[in-house]
Amino acid sequence: MALLFSGNGHLKWAFSEAAVLYLRGNDKARRYLNKLQKRMSKAKALSALAHKLGRSVYFMLKNKTVFDDERFLKP
């Protein structure tokens, strides 16, 4: 997460909140988080999900596309 959120605590907080809200009522995302938790702690897995969300938002804005849930949850 060092590259995307480096030096910007507000951005890190916002994407961490977005990750928690993304998990709400989303079974596919919860399964993905559980898969990450097998390799790391719960906090690090949530941070990894927030980082992935941040990268996807960057590329969505750059390429002027919409969010694709299936593509996002691919390993």
Protein backbone atom coordinates (compact mmCIF):
# COMPACT_ATOMS: atom_id res chain seq x y z
CA MET A 1 0.00 0.00 0.00
CA ALA A 2 3.02 2.21 0.14
CA LEU A 3 2.84 3.42 -3.44
CA LEU A 4 -0.81 4.40 -3.69
CA PHE A 5 -1.44 5.84 -0.25
CA SER A 6 2.05 7.11 0.51
CA GLY A 7 1.83 10.25 2.58
CA ASN A 8 -1.92 10.69 2.29
CA GLY A 9 -3.68 9.47 5.41
CA HIS A 10 -7.03 10.82 4.26
CA LEU A 11 -6.90 8.78 1.07
CA LYS A 12 -5.88 5.66 2.98
CA TRP A 13 -8.76 6.17 5.40
CA ALA A 14 -11.28 6.75 2.60
CA PHE A 15 -10.37 3.58 0.72
CA SER A 16 -10.30 1.57 3.96
CA GLU A 17 -13.86 2.72 4.62
CA ALA A 18 -14.80 1.93 1.02
CA ALA A 19 -13.43 -1.59 1.44
CA VAL A 20 -15.56 -2.17 4.55
CA LEU A 21 -18.66 -0.87 2.76
CA TYR A 22 -17.85 -2.99 -0.30
CA LEU A 23 -17.86 -6.10 1.89
CA ARG A 24 -21.31 -5.33 3.29
CA GLY A 25 -23.82 -7.65 1.68
CA ASN A 26 -21.32 -8.85 -0.94
CA ASP A 27 -20.70 -12.56 -0.52
CA LYS A 28 -18.21 -12.79 -3.38
CA ALA A 29 -16.10 -10.05 -1.81
CA ARG A 30 -16.22 -11.76 1.57
CA ARG A 31 -15.01 -15.00 0.01
CA TYR A 32 -12.16 -13.05 -1.61
CA LEU A 33 -11.28 -11.50 1.77
CA ASN A 34 -11.31 -14.93 3.42
CA LYS A 35 -8.94 -16.15 0.71
CA LEU A 36 -6.59 -13.26 1.51
CA GLN A 37 -6.85 -13.98 5.24
CA LYS A 38 -5.38 -17.43 4.69
CA ARG A 39 -2.11 -15.72 3.71
CA MET A 40 -2.15 -12.74 6.10
CA SER A 41 -3.90 -11.28 9.13
CA LYS A 42 -7.40 -9.81 8.93
CA ALA A 43 -6.16 -6.23 9.13
CA LYS A 44 -3.59 -6.74 6.38
CA ALA A 45 -6.14 -8.49 4.19
CA LEU A 46 -8.53 -5.56 4.58
CA SER A 47 -5.71 -3.16 3.74
CA ALA A 48 -4.85 -5.22 0.67
CA LEU A 49 -8.49 -5.04 -0.43
CA ALA A 50 -8.51 -1.27 0.13
CA HIS A 51 -5.34 -0.95 -1.92
CA LYS A 52 -6.83 -3.00 -4.73
CA LEU A 53 -9.94 -0.78 -4.66
CA GLY A 54 -7.72 2.29 -4.90
CA ARG A 55 -5.87 0.92 -7.90
CA SER A 56 -9.11 0.00 -9.63
CA VAL A 57 -10.55 3.49 -9.06
CA TYR A 58 -7.40 5.01 -10.53
CA PHE A 59 -7.65 2.88 -13.67
CA MET A 60 -11.41 3.45 -13.96
CA LEU A 61 -10.83 7.20 -13.94
CA LYS A 62 -7.86 6.92 -16.30
CA ASN A 63 -9.67 4.71 -18.82
CA LYS A 64 -13.15 6.21 -18.31
CA THR A 65 -14.74 2.83 -17.59
CA VAL A 66 -17.24 1.55 -15.03
CA PHE A 67 -16.55 -0.80 -12.13
CA ASP A 68 -16.57 -4.48 -13.11
CA ASP A 69 -17.11 -6.65 -10.05
CA GLU A 70 -16.19 -9.91 -11.81
CA ARG A 71 -12.89 -8.51 -13.09
CA PHE A 72 -12.10 -6.93 -9.71
CA LEU A 73 -12.45 -10.19 -7.78
CA LYS A 74 -10.29 -12.24 -10.13
CA PRO A 75 -7.02 -13.24 -8.45
